């Protein structure tokens, strides 16, 4: 009984530690003061309107959305076939290849961002948009490899082999048998990779340029000169977006497990 009570207290403390800061952000986003303060002295939605009227924030949001979607789609086009090959065939040095693909998730983000800056901007001299796209593709790919690869590893490939013996081409069998059976993993990987790309700070910070900035970079720049609840309002909207995407992931995986 005493042990159970202790575990309950620990759970409450962990919950408070994780969620109270988020609750404070939500509360301060409605404050009437010109600077972020708690407790708030009034209630207003003006800061949400300010965020939605800011051309800089809207342009940064659109760029983050476009880069995130394009980078994730490209990562899927590369990562799904790669995951299939690693799961389906006895590839020499398979573990080394997997480690290489997953390395961006192990290396500190600031190191990844600086390394990509040196390679894409300094060495190749690519324009900002192309540089951001390549950088976010590289940080999205590990999530595709990890999640889709896990689904591929659990797939029974005897069904595919039967299709081969019945005259089905390898490509058609892959499209009509393999992909439908790992569709939930692909969807989850897409969502996770997109959320990571959209919210990424180090790569966006290093690869952004004059007039072309991702949303995280714009938020940091805004906070250098302003400390009003607009930042809280934008943070709340981003939290709602992330929660919605994670709900879709959980629902998709739940339906897949039932099936």
C-alpha atoms as a PDB file:
ATOM      1  CA  UNK A   1       0.000   0.000   0.000  1.00  0.00           C
ATOM      2  CA  UNK A   2       2.792   2.380   0.963  1.00  0.00           C
ATOM      3  CA  UNK A   3       4.718   1.480  -2.194  1.00  0.00           C
ATOM      4  CA  UNK A   4       1.659   2.136  -4.342  1.00  0.00           C
ATOM      5  CA  UNK A   5       1.150   5.520  -2.673  1.00  0.00           C
ATOM      6  CA  UNK A   6       4.788   6.393  -3.316  1.00  0.00           C
ATOM      7  CA  UNK A   7       4.485   5.491  -6.984  1.00  0.00           C
ATOM      8  CA  UNK A   8       1.346   7.635  -7.246  1.00  0.00           C
ATOM      9  CA  UNK A   9       3.164  10.640  -5.787  1.00  0.00           C
ATOM     10  CA  UNK A  10       6.066  10.147  -8.198  1.00  0.00           C
ATOM     11  CA  UNK A  11       3.647   9.917 -11.130  1.00  0.00           C
ATOM     12  CA  UNK A  12       1.955  13.171 -10.052  1.00  0.00           C
ATOM     13  CA  UNK A  13       5.320  14.935  -9.749  1.00  0.00           C
ATOM     14  CA  UNK A  14       6.419  13.734 -13.187  1.00  0.00           C
ATOM     15  CA  UNK A  15       3.104  14.836 -14.673  1.00  0.00           C
ATOM     16  CA  UNK A  16       3.435  18.267 -13.044  1.00  0.00           C
ATOM     17  CA  UNK A  17       7.047  18.637 -14.189  1.00  0.00           C
ATOM     18  CA  UNK A  18       6.140  17.798 -17.804  1.00  0.00           C
ATOM     19  CA  UNK A  19       2.800  19.533 -18.225  1.00  0.00           C
ATOM     20  CA  UNK A  20       2.808  22.580 -15.936  1.00  0.00           C
ATOM     21  CA  UNK A  21       5.194  24.525 -18.228  1.00  0.00           C
ATOM     22  CA  UNK A  22       2.889  23.767 -21.165  1.00  0.00           C
ATOM     23  CA  UNK A  23      -0.106  24.914 -19.118  1.00  0.00           C
ATOM     24  CA  UNK A  24       1.705  28.160 -18.281  1.00  0.00           C
ATOM     25  CA  UNK A  25       2.329  28.804 -21.987  1.00  0.00           C
ATOM     26  CA  UNK A  26      -1.370  28.330 -22.709  1.00  0.00           C
ATOM     27  CA  UNK A  27      -2.394  30.667 -19.885  1.00  0.00           C
ATOM     28  CA  UNK A  28       0.099  33.424 -20.759  1.00  0.00           C
ATOM     29  CA  UNK A  29      -1.048  33.379 -24.399  1.00  0.00           C
ATOM     30  CA  UNK A  30      -4.323  34.965 -23.230  1.00  0.00           C
ATOM     31  CA  UNK A  31      -2.796  37.675 -21.011  1.00  0.00           C
ATOM     32  CA  UNK A  32      -3.467  41.366 -21.695  1.00  0.00           C
ATOM     33  CA  UNK A  33      -0.041  42.641 -20.582  1.00  0.00           C
ATOM     34  CA  UNK A  34       2.481  43.739 -23.229  1.00  0.00           C
ATOM     35  CA  UNK A  35       5.021  41.250 -21.853  1.00  0.00           C
ATOM     36  CA  UNK A  36       4.662  37.626 -20.858  1.00  0.00           C
ATOM     37  CA  UNK A  37       3.707  37.427 -17.190  1.00  0.00           C
ATOM     38  CA  UNK A  38       2.048  35.015 -14.784  1.00  0.00           C
ATOM     39  CA  UNK A  39      -0.505  35.231 -13.353  1.00  0.00           C
ATOM     40  CA  UNK A  40      -2.264  37.103 -16.148  1.00  0.00           C
ATOM     41  CA  UNK A  41      -4.329  40.187 -15.302  1.00  0.00           C
ATOM     42  CA  UNK A  42      -6.889  39.946 -18.071  1.00  0.00           C
ATOM     43  CA  UNK A  43      -8.103  37.846 -20.963  1.00  0.00           C
ATOM     44  CA  UNK A  44      -7.660  38.572 -24.676  1.00  0.00           C
ATOM     45  CA  UNK A  45      -7.302  36.790 -28.024  1.00  0.00           C
ATOM     46  CA  UNK A  46      -5.322  39.671 -29.534  1.00  0.00           C
ATOM     47  CA  UNK A  47      -2.014  37.798 -29.449  1.00  0.00           C
ATOM     48  CA  UNK A  48      -3.464  35.011 -31.596  1.00  0.00           C
ATOM     49  CA  UNK A  49      -4.662  37.641 -34.040  1.00  0.00           C
ATOM     50  CA  UNK A  50      -1.223  39.254 -33.955  1.00  0.00           C
ATOM     51  CA  UNK A  51       0.387  35.907 -34.797  1.00  0.00           C
ATOM     52  CA  UNK A  52      -2.018  35.263 -37.674  1.00  0.00           C
ATOM     53  CA  UNK A  53      -1.509  38.786 -39.079  1.00  0.00           C
ATOM     54  CA  UNK A  54       2.289  38.669 -39.025  1.00  0.00           C
ATOM     55  CA  UNK A  55       3.509  38.297 -42.615  1.00  0.00           C
ATOM     56  CA  UNK A  56       6.914  37.095 -41.418  1.00  0.00           C
ATOM     57  CA  UNK A  57       5.394  34.341 -39.292  1.00  0.00           C
ATOM     58  CA  UNK A  58       2.936  33.315 -42.006  1.00  0.00           C
ATOM     59  CA  UNK A  59       5.666  33.130 -44.653  1.00  0.00           C
ATOM     60  CA  UNK A  60       7.882  31.154 -42.278  1.00  0.00           C
ATOM     61  CA  UNK A  61       4.990  28.818 -41.480  1.00  0.00           C
ATOM     62  CA  UNK A  62       4.301  28.217 -45.185  1.00  0.00           C
ATOM     63  CA  UNK A  63       7.987  27.580 -45.858  1.00  0.00           C
ATOM     64  CA  UNK A  64       8.207  25.135 -42.926  1.00  0.00           C
ATOM     65  CA  UNK A  65       5.083  23.373 -44.198  1.00  0.00           C
ATOM     66  CA  UNK A  66       6.368  23.125 -47.786  1.00  0.00           C
ATOM     67  CA  UNK A  67       9.882  22.043 -46.802  1.00  0.00           C
ATOM     68  CA  UNK A  68       8.541  19.552 -44.256  1.00  0.00           C
ATOM     69  CA  UNK A  69       6.137  17.933 -46.714  1.00  0.00           C
ATOM     70  CA  UNK A  70       8.590  17.813 -49.637  1.00  0.00           C
ATOM     71  CA  UNK A  71      11.458  16.538 -47.477  1.00  0.00           C
ATOM     72  CA  UNK A  72       9.267  13.842 -45.938  1.00  0.00           C
ATOM     73  CA  UNK A  73       7.928  12.688 -49.314  1.00  0.00           C
ATOM     74  CA  UNK A  74      11.487  12.467 -50.686  1.00  0.00           C
ATOM     75  CA  UNK A  75      12.545  10.574 -47.559  1.00  0.00           C
ATOM     76  CA  UNK A  76       9.693   8.118 -48.157  1.00  0.00           C
ATOM     77  CA  UNK A  77      10.701   7.601 -51.795  1.00  0.00           C
ATOM     78  CA  UNK A  78      14.213   6.707 -50.661  1.00  0.00           C
ATOM     79  CA  UNK A  79      13.542   5.180 -47.253  1.00  0.00           C
ATOM     80  CA  UNK A  80      10.742   2.735 -48.107  1.00  0.00           C
ATOM     81  CA  UNK A  81      12.702   0.866 -50.842  1.00  0.00           C
ATOM     82  CA  UNK A  82      15.821   0.979 -48.659  1.00  0.00           C
ATOM     83  CA  UNK A  83      13.912  -0.469 -45.699  1.00  0.00           C
ATOM     84  CA  UNK A  84      12.498  -3.190 -47.943  1.00  0.00           C
ATOM     85  CA  UNK A  85      15.934  -4.120 -49.270  1.00  0.00           C
ATOM     86  CA  UNK A  86      17.444  -4.240 -45.786  1.00  0.00           C
ATOM     87  CA  UNK A  87      14.596  -6.393 -44.440  1.00  0.00           C
ATOM     88  CA  UNK A  88      14.104  -8.643 -47.485  1.00  0.00           C
ATOM     89  CA  UNK A  89      17.620  -9.486 -48.567  1.00  0.00           C
ATOM     90  CA  UNK A  90      20.877 -10.527 -46.935  1.00  0.00           C
ATOM     91  CA  UNK A  91      22.813  -7.340 -47.584  1.00  0.00           C
ATOM     92  CA  UNK A  92      26.490  -7.361 -46.669  1.00  0.00           C
ATOM     93  CA  UNK A  93      27.188  -4.934 -43.841  1.00  0.00           C
ATOM     94  CA  UNK A  94      23.465  -4.513 -43.117  1.00  0.00           C
ATOM     95  CA  UNK A  95      23.981  -3.318 -39.537  1.00  0.00           C
ATOM     96  CA  UNK A  96      26.576  -0.783 -40.664  1.00  0.00           C
ATOM     97  CA  UNK A  97      24.209   0.549 -43.327  1.00  0.00           C
ATOM     98  CA  UNK A  98      21.388   0.874 -40.785  1.00  0.00           C
ATOM     99  CA  UNK A  99      23.698   2.697 -38.380  1.00  0.00           C
ATOM    100  CA  UNK A 100      24.688   5.080 -41.164  1.00  0.00           C
ATOM    101  CA  UNK A 101      21.061   5.865 -41.988  1.00  0.00           C
ATOM    102  CA  UNK A 102      20.200   6.409 -38.312  1.00  0.00           C
ATOM    103  CA  UNK A 103      23.305   8.461 -37.452  1.00  0.00           C
ATOM    104  CA  UNK A 104      21.540  11.875 -37.657  1.00  0.00           C
ATOM    105  CA  UNK A 105      19.354  10.849 -34.693  1.00  0.00           C
ATOM    106  CA  UNK A 106      22.418  10.054 -32.557  1.00  0.00           C
ATOM    107  CA  UNK A 107      24.678  13.002 -33.426  1.00  0.00           C
ATOM    108  CA  UNK A 108      23.823  16.246 -31.555  1.00  0.00           C
ATOM    109  CA  UNK A 109      21.516  18.477 -33.576  1.00  0.00           C
ATOM    110  CA  UNK A 110      23.881  21.447 -33.481  1.00  0.00           C
ATOM    111  CA  UNK A 111      26.630  19.295 -35.004  1.00  0.00           C
ATOM    112  CA  UNK A 112      24.299  18.034 -37.731  1.00  0.00           C
ATOM    113  CA  UNK A 113      23.199  21.584 -38.542  1.00  0.00           C
ATOM    114  CA  UNK A 114      26.744  22.955 -38.700  1.00  0.00           C
ATOM    115  CA  UNK A 115      27.970  20.014 -40.771  1.00  0.00           C
ATOM    116  CA  UNK A 116      25.145  20.453 -43.283  1.00  0.00           C
ATOM    117  CA  UNK A 117      25.880  24.193 -43.426  1.00  0.00           C
ATOM    118  CA  UNK A 118      29.524  23.516 -44.277  1.00  0.00           C
ATOM    119  CA  UNK A 119      28.614  20.968 -46.957  1.00  0.00           C
ATOM    120  CA  UNK A 120      25.498  22.498 -48.541  1.00  0.00           C
ATOM    121  CA  UNK A 121      26.176  26.232 -48.229  1.00  0.00           C
ATOM    122  CA  UNK A 122      29.960  26.580 -48.083  1.00  0.00           C
ATOM    123  CA  UNK A 123      31.096  23.664 -50.266  1.00  0.00           C
ATOM    124  CA  UNK A 124      28.213  23.334 -52.756  1.00  0.00           C
ATOM    125  CA  UNK A 125      26.922  26.914 -52.620  1.00  0.00           C
ATOM    126  CA  UNK A 126      23.308  25.863 -53.114  1.00  0.00           C
ATOM    127  CA  UNK A 127      20.420  28.368 -52.839  1.00  0.00           C
ATOM    128  CA  UNK A 128      18.661  28.570 -49.497  1.00  0.00           C
ATOM    129  CA  UNK A 129      15.495  26.686 -50.514  1.00  0.00           C
ATOM    130  CA  UNK A 130      17.388  23.759 -52.018  1.00  0.00           C
ATOM    131  CA  UNK A 131      19.746  23.689 -49.034  1.00  0.00           C
ATOM    132  CA  UNK A 132      16.857  23.569 -46.571  1.00  0.00           C
ATOM    133  CA  UNK A 133      15.171  20.826 -48.590  1.00  0.00           C
ATOM    134  CA  UNK A 134      18.297  18.655 -48.650  1.00  0.00           C
ATOM    135  CA  UNK A 135      19.000  19.262 -44.971  1.00  0.00           C
ATOM    136  CA  UNK A 136      15.488  18.379 -43.877  1.00  0.00           C
ATOM    137  CA  UNK A 137      15.448  15.357 -46.165  1.00  0.00           C
ATOM    138  CA  UNK A 138      18.564  14.049 -44.420  1.00  0.00           C
ATOM    139  CA  UNK A 139      17.095  14.506 -40.924  1.00  0.00           C
ATOM    140  CA  UNK A 140      13.746  12.987 -41.984  1.00  0.00           C
ATOM    141  CA  UNK A 141      15.208   9.855 -43.560  1.00  0.00           C
ATOM    142  CA  UNK A 142      16.231   8.143 -40.276  1.00  0.00           C
ATOM    143  CA  UNK A 143      12.619   8.208 -39.019  1.00  0.00           C
ATOM    144  CA  UNK A 144      11.440   6.560 -42.233  1.00  0.00           C
ATOM    145  CA  UNK A 145      14.140   3.898 -42.036  1.00  0.00           C
ATOM    146  CA  UNK A 146      13.462   3.169 -38.363  1.00  0.00           C
ATOM    147  CA  UNK A 147       9.645   3.006 -38.415  1.00  0.00           C
ATOM    148  CA  UNK A 148       9.098   1.502 -41.882  1.00  0.00           C
ATOM    149  CA  UNK A 149      12.032  -0.861 -41.331  1.00  0.00           C
ATOM    150  CA  UNK A 150      10.369  -2.187 -38.181  1.00  0.00           C
ATOM    151  CA  UNK A 151       7.179  -2.919 -40.164  1.00  0.00           C
ATOM    152  CA  UNK A 152       9.164  -4.534 -42.968  1.00  0.00           C
ATOM    153  CA  UNK A 153      11.014  -6.796 -40.512  1.00  0.00           C
ATOM    154  CA  UNK A 154       7.691  -8.196 -39.234  1.00  0.00           C
ATOM    155  CA  UNK A 155       6.201  -8.866 -42.663  1.00  0.00           C
ATOM    156  CA  UNK A 156       5.689 -12.443 -43.896  1.00  0.00           C
ATOM    157  CA  UNK A 157       7.292 -12.416 -47.350  1.00  0.00           C
ATOM    158  CA  UNK A 158       5.957 -15.844 -48.307  1.00  0.00           C
ATOM    159  CA  UNK A 159       2.865 -14.058 -49.677  1.00  0.00           C
ATOM    160  CA  UNK A 160       5.070 -12.064 -52.003  1.00  0.00           C
ATOM    161  CA  UNK A 161       6.906 -15.193 -53.130  1.00  0.00           C
ATOM    162  CA  UNK A 162       3.599 -16.882 -53.956  1.00  0.00           C
ATOM    163  CA  UNK A 163       2.701 -13.902 -56.121  1.00  0.00           C
ATOM    164  CA  UNK A 164       6.024 -14.274 -57.961  1.00  0.00           C
ATOM    165  CA  UNK A 165       5.320 -17.930 -58.727  1.00  0.00           C
ATOM    166  CA  UNK A 166       1.897 -16.951 -60.145  1.00  0.00           C
ATOM    167  CA  UNK A 167       3.536 -14.636 -62.655  1.00  0.00           C
ATOM    168  CA  UNK A 168       3.336 -11.340 -60.812  1.00  0.00           C
ATOM    169  CA  UNK A 169       6.309  -9.066 -61.458  1.00  0.00           C
ATOM    170  CA  UNK A 170       8.489  -8.070 -58.515  1.00  0.00           C
ATOM    171  CA  UNK A 171       7.487  -4.427 -58.824  1.00  0.00           C
ATOM    172  CA  UNK A 172       3.772  -5.225 -58.955  1.00  0.00           C
ATOM    173  CA  UNK A 173       4.066  -7.589 -55.994  1.00  0.00           C
ATOM    174  CA  UNK A 174       5.879  -4.889 -54.066  1.00  0.00           C
ATOM    175  CA  UNK A 175       3.202  -2.283 -54.866  1.00  0.00           C
ATOM    176  CA  UNK A 176       0.136  -4.488 -54.360  1.00  0.00           C
ATOM    177  CA  UNK A 177       1.262  -6.836 -51.563  1.00  0.00           C
ATOM    178  CA  UNK A 178       4.160  -5.377 -49.578  1.00  0.00           C
ATOM    179  CA  UNK A 179       3.133  -1.718 -49.410  1.00  0.00           C
ATOM    180  CA  UNK A 180      -0.501  -2.304 -48.329  1.00  0.00           C
ATOM    181  CA  UNK A 181       0.715  -4.540 -45.502  1.00  0.00           C
ATOM    182  CA  UNK A 182       3.058  -1.870 -44.127  1.00  0.00           C
ATOM    183  CA  UNK A 183       0.854   1.133 -44.893  1.00  0.00           C
ATOM    184  CA  UNK A 184       0.284   1.950 -41.214  1.00  0.00           C
ATOM    185  CA  UNK A 185       4.039   1.994 -40.609  1.00  0.00           C
ATOM    186  CA  UNK A 186       4.538   4.245 -43.635  1.00  0.00           C
ATOM    187  CA  UNK A 187       1.859   6.651 -42.432  1.00  0.00           C
ATOM    188  CA  UNK A 188       3.310   6.756 -38.913  1.00  0.00           C
ATOM    189  CA  UNK A 189       6.801   7.301 -40.303  1.00  0.00           C
ATOM    190  CA  UNK A 190       5.534  10.125 -42.496  1.00  0.00           C
ATOM    191  CA  UNK A 191       3.901  11.883 -39.546  1.00  0.00           C
ATOM    192  CA  UNK A 192       6.904  11.478 -37.240  1.00  0.00           C
ATOM    193  CA  UNK A 193       9.352  12.649 -39.916  1.00  0.00           C
ATOM    194  CA  UNK A 194       7.177  15.627 -40.795  1.00  0.00           C
ATOM    195  CA  UNK A 195       6.772  16.728 -37.167  1.00  0.00           C
ATOM    196  CA  UNK A 196      10.534  16.431 -36.654  1.00  0.00           C
ATOM    197  CA  UNK A 197      11.242  18.449 -39.787  1.00  0.00           C
ATOM    198  CA  UNK A 198       8.644  21.122 -39.047  1.00  0.00           C
ATOM    199  CA  UNK A 199       9.873  21.687 -35.490  1.00  0.00           C
ATOM    200  CA  UNK A 200      13.605  21.278 -36.129  1.00  0.00           C
ATOM    201  CA  UNK A 201      15.728  24.186 -34.896  1.00  0.00           C
ATOM    202  CA  UNK A 202      19.466  23.499 -35.548  1.00  0.00           C
ATOM    203  CA  UNK A 203      19.212  22.603 -39.249  1.00  0.00           C
ATOM    204  CA  UNK A 204      16.674  25.364 -39.924  1.00  0.00           C
ATOM    205  CA  UNK A 205      18.850  27.907 -38.127  1.00  0.00           C
ATOM    206  CA  UNK A 206      22.062  27.062 -39.987  1.00  0.00           C
ATOM    207  CA  UNK A 207      20.525  26.722 -43.463  1.00  0.00           C
ATOM    208  CA  UNK A 208      18.103  29.673 -43.424  1.00  0.00           C
ATOM    209  CA  UNK A 209      19.058  32.831 -45.316  1.00  0.00           C
ATOM    210  CA  UNK A 210      17.977  36.473 -45.697  1.00  0.00           C
ATOM    211  CA  UNK A 211      14.219  36.568 -46.281  1.00  0.00           C
ATOM    212  CA  UNK A 212      13.987  32.757 -46.309  1.00  0.00           C
ATOM    213  CA  UNK A 213      13.532  31.442 -42.791  1.00  0.00           C
ATOM    214  CA  UNK A 214      11.745  28.492 -41.254  1.00  0.00           C
ATOM    215  CA  UNK A 215       9.235  29.040 -38.461  1.00  0.00           C
ATOM    216  CA  UNK A 216      11.545  27.991 -35.567  1.00  0.00           C
ATOM    217  CA  UNK A 217      14.173  30.471 -36.778  1.00  0.00           C
ATOM    218  CA  UNK A 218      11.591  33.250 -37.093  1.00  0.00           C
ATOM    219  CA  UNK A 219      10.404  32.583 -33.547  1.00  0.00           C
ATOM    220  CA  UNK A 220      13.943  32.820 -32.189  1.00  0.00           C
ATOM    221  CA  UNK A 221      14.547  36.056 -34.104  1.00  0.00           C
ATOM    222  CA  UNK A 222      11.271  37.511 -32.844  1.00  0.00           C
ATOM    223  CA  UNK A 223      12.126  36.702 -29.226  1.00  0.00           C
ATOM    224  CA  UNK A 224      15.424  38.608 -29.509  1.00  0.00           C
ATOM    225  CA  UNK A 225      13.526  41.900 -29.721  1.00  0.00           C
ATOM    226  CA  UNK A 226      10.060  41.053 -28.356  1.00  0.00           C
ATOM    227  CA  UNK A 227       8.856  39.204 -25.295  1.00  0.00           C
ATOM    228  CA  UNK A 228       5.135  39.521 -25.714  1.00  0.00           C
ATOM    229  CA  UNK A 229       2.524  36.712 -25.584  1.00  0.00           C
ATOM    230  CA  UNK A 230       2.573  36.383 -29.387  1.00  0.00           C
ATOM    231  CA  UNK A 231       5.262  33.750 -28.902  1.00  0.00           C
ATOM    232  CA  UNK A 232       3.022  31.909 -26.438  1.00  0.00           C
ATOM    233  CA  UNK A 233       0.109  32.042 -28.887  1.00  0.00           C
ATOM    234  CA  UNK A 234       2.230  30.609 -31.709  1.00  0.00           C
ATOM    235  CA  UNK A 235       3.544  27.913 -29.344  1.00  0.00           C
ATOM    236  CA  UNK A 236      -0.014  26.913 -28.417  1.00  0.00           C
ATOM    237  CA  UNK A 237      -1.005  26.634 -32.091  1.00  0.00           C
ATOM    238  CA  UNK A 238       2.068  24.512 -32.816  1.00  0.00           C
ATOM    239  CA  UNK A 239       1.264  22.278 -29.830  1.00  0.00           C
ATOM    240  CA  UNK A 240      -2.264  21.759 -31.142  1.00  0.00           C
ATOM    241  CA  UNK A 241      -0.892  20.908 -34.587  1.00  0.00           C
ATOM    242  CA  UNK A 242       1.565  18.401 -33.113  1.00  0.00           C
ATOM    243  CA  UNK A 243      -1.085  16.823 -30.863  1.00  0.00           C
ATOM    244  CA  UNK A 244      -3.406  16.446 -33.856  1.00  0.00           C
ATOM    245  CA  UNK A 245      -0.709  14.735 -35.905  1.00  0.00           C
ATOM    246  CA  UNK A 246       0.282  12.430 -33.046  1.00  0.00           C
ATOM    247  CA  UNK A 247      -3.389  11.524 -32.552  1.00  0.00           C
ATOM    248  CA  UNK A 248      -3.565  10.506 -36.209  1.00  0.00           C
ATOM    249  CA  UNK A 249      -0.458   8.351 -35.751  1.00  0.00           C
ATOM    250  CA  UNK A 250      -1.863   6.620 -32.660  1.00  0.00           C
ATOM    251  CA  UNK A 251      -5.252   6.070 -34.303  1.00  0.00           C
ATOM    252  CA  UNK A 252      -3.655   4.639 -37.423  1.00  0.00           C
ATOM    253  CA  UNK A 253      -1.412   2.268 -35.492  1.00  0.00           C
ATOM    254  CA  UNK A 254      -4.343   1.253 -33.284  1.00  0.00           C
ATOM    255  CA  UNK A 255      -6.489   0.382 -36.274  1.00  0.00           C
ATOM    256  CA  UNK A 256      -3.603  -1.547 -37.788  1.00  0.00           C
ATOM    257  CA  UNK A 257      -3.115  -3.618 -34.647  1.00  0.00           C
ATOM    258  CA  UNK A 258      -6.829  -4.468 -34.564  1.00  0.00           C
ATOM    259  CA  UNK A 259      -6.735  -5.522 -38.199  1.00  0.00           C
END
